[in-house]
Amino acid sequence: MQTPLRKDLETPLRGVRTNIVQSIRAFRVQDLQDAAGSLGHHFLYANLAHAQSKQDVLDLIAAQFTFPAHFGKNFDALYDCMTDPLHKSGPQPGFIVVLEQIPATGKFDKEAREQLLDIFRDAADFWGDRKIPFRCFYSFL
């Protein structure tokens, strides 16, 4: 039996576009983490179940993604941390990002959730322009 030329053919990511933001529905977090490892991609995970507000969401993402202390804790700063400094730090192999249990509260409503996902869609576009895979999977609480 021959070994496939592309590693992603062996992973749960086969058939998933390389630069996308989508619901995690059919995937398990552990499978995505394993796929990131086998592909040599960065795996970024944030569980947002305890967040109630935009600030909580940003604080949890910053802590779980280990952003630098100077992270501005706003959506613009989130985009910046997901793109430019990483690009300037050298070649990147790819990214698999999981945002689990994005809250649905009065202080983090549908508009805030869409703004958050738009940041990751923009990051996927940024990396796509550079031919670097960036897949983001999310779920709502």
C-alpha atoms as a PDB file:
ATOM      1  CA  MET A   1       0.000   0.000   0.000  1.00  0.00           C
ATOM      2  CA  GLN A   2       1.373   3.407  -0.926  1.00  0.00           C
ATOM      3  CA  THR A   3       1.559   6.277   1.509  1.00  0.00           C
ATOM      4  CA  PRO A   4      -0.486   9.319   0.480  1.00  0.00           C
ATOM      5  CA  LEU A   5       1.581  12.280  -0.649  1.00  0.00           C
ATOM      6  CA  ARG A   6      -0.475  14.713   1.442  1.00  0.00           C
ATOM      7  CA  LYS A   7      -0.801  14.117   5.159  1.00  0.00           C
ATOM      8  CA  ASP A   8      -4.205  15.825   5.369  1.00  0.00           C
ATOM      9  CA  LEU A   9      -5.713  12.947   3.385  1.00  0.00           C
ATOM     10  CA  GLU A  10      -5.233  10.825   6.513  1.00  0.00           C
ATOM     11  CA  THR A  11      -6.891  13.266   8.891  1.00  0.00           C
ATOM     12  CA  PRO A  12     -10.466  14.229   9.690  1.00  0.00           C
ATOM     13  CA  LEU A  13      -9.717  17.405   7.718  1.00  0.00           C
ATOM     14  CA  ARG A  14      -9.899  15.800   4.303  1.00  0.00           C
ATOM     15  CA  GLY A  15     -12.558  17.645   2.379  1.00  0.00           C
ATOM     16  CA  VAL A  16     -12.296  20.725   4.615  1.00  0.00           C
ATOM     17  CA  ARG A  17     -11.047  23.852   2.851  1.00  0.00           C
ATOM     18  CA  THR A  18      -7.662  25.007   4.081  1.00  0.00           C
ATOM     19  CA  ASN A  19      -8.822  28.502   5.055  1.00  0.00           C
ATOM     20  CA  ILE A  20     -12.230  28.439   6.671  1.00  0.00           C
ATOM     21  CA  VAL A  21     -14.220  29.247   9.789  1.00  0.00           C
ATOM     22  CA  GLN A  22     -16.931  26.662  10.411  1.00  0.00           C
ATOM     23  CA  SER A  23     -18.991  24.944  13.071  1.00  0.00           C
ATOM     24  CA  ILE A  24     -17.226  22.123  14.871  1.00  0.00           C
ATOM     25  CA  ARG A  25     -20.328  19.892  14.519  1.00  0.00           C
ATOM     26  CA  ALA A  26     -18.812  16.783  12.921  1.00  0.00           C
ATOM     27  CA  PHE A  27     -15.452  17.048  14.678  1.00  0.00           C
ATOM     28  CA  ARG A  28     -14.103  16.174  18.089  1.00  0.00           C
ATOM     29  CA  VAL A  29     -11.562  18.516  19.648  1.00  0.00           C
ATOM     30  CA  GLN A  30      -9.101  15.673  20.270  1.00  0.00           C
ATOM     31  CA  ASP A  31      -9.276  14.622  16.605  1.00  0.00           C
ATOM     32  CA  LEU A  32      -8.556  18.197  15.519  1.00  0.00           C
ATOM     33  CA  GLN A  33      -5.638  18.425  17.939  1.00  0.00           C
ATOM     34  CA  ASP A  34      -4.267  15.115  16.643  1.00  0.00           C
ATOM     35  CA  ALA A  35      -4.688  16.339  13.054  1.00  0.00           C
ATOM     36  CA  ALA A  36      -2.788  19.535  13.880  1.00  0.00           C
ATOM     37  CA  GLY A  37       0.023  17.441  15.328  1.00  0.00           C
ATOM     38  CA  SER A  38       0.227  15.130  12.341  1.00  0.00           C
ATOM     39  CA  LEU A  39       0.210  18.101   9.935  1.00  0.00           C
ATOM     40  CA  GLY A  40       2.743  20.057  11.982  1.00  0.00           C
ATOM     41  CA  HIS A  41       0.244  22.916  12.449  1.00  0.00           C
ATOM     42  CA  HIS A  42      -0.219  25.125  15.476  1.00  0.00           C
ATOM     43  CA  PHE A  43      -3.226  24.099  17.585  1.00  0.00           C
ATOM     44  CA  LEU A  44      -4.980  26.924  19.430  1.00  0.00           C
ATOM     45  CA  TYR A  45      -7.843  26.076  21.766  1.00  0.00           C
ATOM     46  CA  ALA A  46     -10.107  28.299  23.854  1.00  0.00           C
ATOM     47  CA  ASN A  47     -13.021  27.121  25.968  1.00  0.00           C
ATOM     48  CA  LEU A  48     -15.279  30.133  26.432  1.00  0.00           C
ATOM     49  CA  ALA A  49     -18.017  28.488  28.515  1.00  0.00           C
ATOM     50  CA  HIS A  50     -17.442  30.761  31.520  1.00  0.00           C
ATOM     51  CA  ALA A  51     -17.464  34.010  29.552  1.00  0.00           C
ATOM     52  CA  GLN A  52     -20.374  36.379  30.011  1.00  0.00           C
ATOM     53  CA  SER A  53     -19.163  39.463  28.142  1.00  0.00           C
ATOM     54  CA  LYS A  54     -16.913  40.579  25.300  1.00  0.00           C
ATOM     55  CA  GLN A  55     -14.168  41.350  27.814  1.00  0.00           C
ATOM     56  CA  ASP A  56     -14.490  37.856  29.325  1.00  0.00           C
ATOM     57  CA  VAL A  57     -14.239  36.293  25.855  1.00  0.00           C
ATOM     58  CA  LEU A  58     -11.143  38.321  25.001  1.00  0.00           C
ATOM     59  CA  ASP A  59      -9.551  37.582  28.403  1.00  0.00           C
ATOM     60  CA  LEU A  60     -10.112  33.839  27.994  1.00  0.00           C
ATOM     61  CA  ILE A  61      -8.799  33.771  24.432  1.00  0.00           C
ATOM     62  CA  ALA A  62      -5.731  35.807  25.440  1.00  0.00           C
ATOM     63  CA  ALA A  63      -4.983  33.487  28.357  1.00  0.00           C
ATOM     64  CA  GLN A  64      -5.616  30.211  26.528  1.00  0.00           C
ATOM     65  CA  PHE A  65      -3.771  31.273  23.344  1.00  0.00           C
ATOM     66  CA  THR A  66      -0.963  32.724  25.543  1.00  0.00           C
ATOM     67  CA  PHE A  67      -1.028  36.157  23.942  1.00  0.00           C
ATOM     68  CA  PRO A  68       1.628  38.644  25.076  1.00  0.00           C
ATOM     69  CA  ALA A  69       0.951  40.805  28.129  1.00  0.00           C
ATOM     70  CA  HIS A  70       0.540  43.909  25.948  1.00  0.00           C
ATOM     71  CA  PHE A  71      -2.534  42.403  24.189  1.00  0.00           C
ATOM     72  CA  GLY A  72      -5.034  45.272  23.930  1.00  0.00           C
ATOM     73  CA  LYS A  73      -8.117  43.157  24.721  1.00  0.00           C
ATOM     74  CA  ASN A  74     -10.283  44.409  21.871  1.00  0.00           C
ATOM     75  CA  PHE A  75     -11.260  42.899  18.524  1.00  0.00           C
ATOM     76  CA  ASP A  76      -8.635  44.858  16.588  1.00  0.00           C
ATOM     77  CA  ALA A  77      -5.908  43.615  18.917  1.00  0.00           C
ATOM     78  CA  LEU A  78      -7.237  40.057  18.580  1.00  0.00           C
ATOM     79  CA  TYR A  79      -6.932  40.255  14.804  1.00  0.00           C
ATOM     80  CA  ASP A  80      -3.446  41.721  15.118  1.00  0.00           C
ATOM     81  CA  CYS A  81      -2.297  38.918  17.443  1.00  0.00           C
ATOM     82  CA  MET A  82      -3.681  36.278  15.065  1.00  0.00           C
ATOM     83  CA  THR A  83      -1.915  37.689  12.009  1.00  0.00           C
ATOM     84  CA  ASP A  84       0.925  40.173  11.709  1.00  0.00           C
ATOM     85  CA  PRO A  85       3.250  39.276  14.623  1.00  0.00           C
ATOM     86  CA  LEU A  86       2.982  35.590  13.736  1.00  0.00           C
ATOM     87  CA  HIS A  87       3.699  36.357  10.093  1.00  0.00           C
ATOM     88  CA  LYS A  88       6.728  38.473  11.021  1.00  0.00           C
ATOM     89  CA  SER A  89       8.100  35.780  13.370  1.00  0.00           C
ATOM     90  CA  GLY A  90       8.958  33.519  10.447  1.00  0.00           C
ATOM     91  CA  PRO A  91       7.462  30.793   8.295  1.00  0.00           C
ATOM     92  CA  GLN A  92       4.257  29.298   9.699  1.00  0.00           C
ATOM     93  CA  PRO A  93       3.163  25.726   8.966  1.00  0.00           C
ATOM     94  CA  GLY A  94      -0.565  26.304   9.448  1.00  0.00           C
ATOM     95  CA  PHE A  95      -3.181  26.704  12.162  1.00  0.00           C
ATOM     96  CA  ILE A  96      -6.106  24.791  13.583  1.00  0.00           C
ATOM     97  CA  VAL A  97      -8.109  26.954  15.972  1.00  0.00           C
ATOM     98  CA  VAL A  98     -10.978  25.809  18.185  1.00  0.00           C
ATOM     99  CA  LEU A  99     -13.327  28.250  19.906  1.00  0.00           C
ATOM    100  CA  GLU A 100     -15.519  26.069  22.047  1.00  0.00           C
ATOM    101  CA  GLN A 101     -18.760  27.166  23.707  1.00  0.00           C
ATOM    102  CA  ILE A 102     -18.900  30.765  22.520  1.00  0.00           C
ATOM    103  CA  PRO A 103     -21.430  32.353  24.893  1.00  0.00           C
ATOM    104  CA  ALA A 104     -24.898  33.558  24.008  1.00  0.00           C
ATOM    105  CA  THR A 105     -25.692  36.078  26.725  1.00  0.00           C
ATOM    106  CA  GLY A 106     -27.155  39.551  26.953  1.00  0.00           C
ATOM    107  CA  LYS A 107     -23.628  40.968  27.212  1.00  0.00           C
ATOM    108  CA  PHE A 108     -22.323  38.807  24.336  1.00  0.00           C
ATOM    109  CA  ASP A 109     -25.188  38.746  21.866  1.00  0.00           C
ATOM    110  CA  LYS A 110     -25.518  37.540  18.285  1.00  0.00           C
ATOM    111  CA  GLU A 111     -23.826  40.651  16.916  1.00  0.00           C
ATOM    112  CA  ALA A 112     -20.815  40.193  19.223  1.00  0.00           C
ATOM    113  CA  ARG A 113     -20.560  36.510  18.257  1.00  0.00           C
ATOM    114  CA  GLU A 114     -20.584  37.420  14.568  1.00  0.00           C
ATOM    115  CA  GLN A 115     -17.945  40.100  15.143  1.00  0.00           C
ATOM    116  CA  LEU A 116     -15.762  37.514  16.900  1.00  0.00           C
ATOM    117  CA  LEU A 117     -16.153  35.020  14.070  1.00  0.00           C
ATOM    118  CA  ASP A 118     -15.486  37.787  11.537  1.00  0.00           C
ATOM    119  CA  ILE A 119     -12.092  38.351  13.180  1.00  0.00           C
ATOM    120  CA  PHE A 120     -11.251  34.696  12.577  1.00  0.00           C
ATOM    121  CA  ARG A 121     -12.663  34.844   9.029  1.00  0.00           C
ATOM    122  CA  ASP A 122     -10.408  37.816   8.359  1.00  0.00           C
ATOM    123  CA  ALA A 123      -7.461  35.927   9.860  1.00  0.00           C
ATOM    124  CA  ALA A 124      -8.274  32.947   7.605  1.00  0.00           C
ATOM    125  CA  ASP A 125      -8.218  35.318   4.619  1.00  0.00           C
ATOM    126  CA  PHE A 126      -4.931  36.855   5.787  1.00  0.00           C
ATOM    127  CA  TRP A 127      -3.263  33.446   5.997  1.00  0.00           C
ATOM    128  CA  GLY A 128      -4.958  32.244   2.817  1.00  0.00           C
ATOM    129  CA  ASP A 129      -3.388  35.135   0.925  1.00  0.00           C
ATOM    130  CA  ARG A 130      -0.043  33.781   2.133  1.00  0.00           C
ATOM    131  CA  LYS A 131      -0.916  30.173   1.213  1.00  0.00           C
ATOM    132  CA  ILE A 132      -0.899  29.100   4.879  1.00  0.00           C
ATOM    133  CA  PRO A 133      -3.750  26.855   6.110  1.00  0.00           C
ATOM    134  CA  PHE A 134      -5.921  28.436   8.820  1.00  0.00           C
ATOM    135  CA  ARG A 135      -8.938  26.443   9.912  1.00  0.00           C
ATOM    136  CA  CYS A 136     -11.121  27.680  12.736  1.00  0.00           C
ATOM    137  CA  PHE A 137     -13.845  25.534  14.297  1.00  0.00           C
ATOM    138  CA  TYR A 138     -16.383  26.881  16.772  1.00  0.00           C
ATOM    139  CA  SER A 139     -19.362  25.910  18.848  1.00  0.00           C
ATOM    140  CA  PHE A 140     -21.930  27.966  20.731  1.00  0.00           C
ATOM    141  CA  LEU A 141     -22.862  27.452  24.376  1.00  0.00           C
END
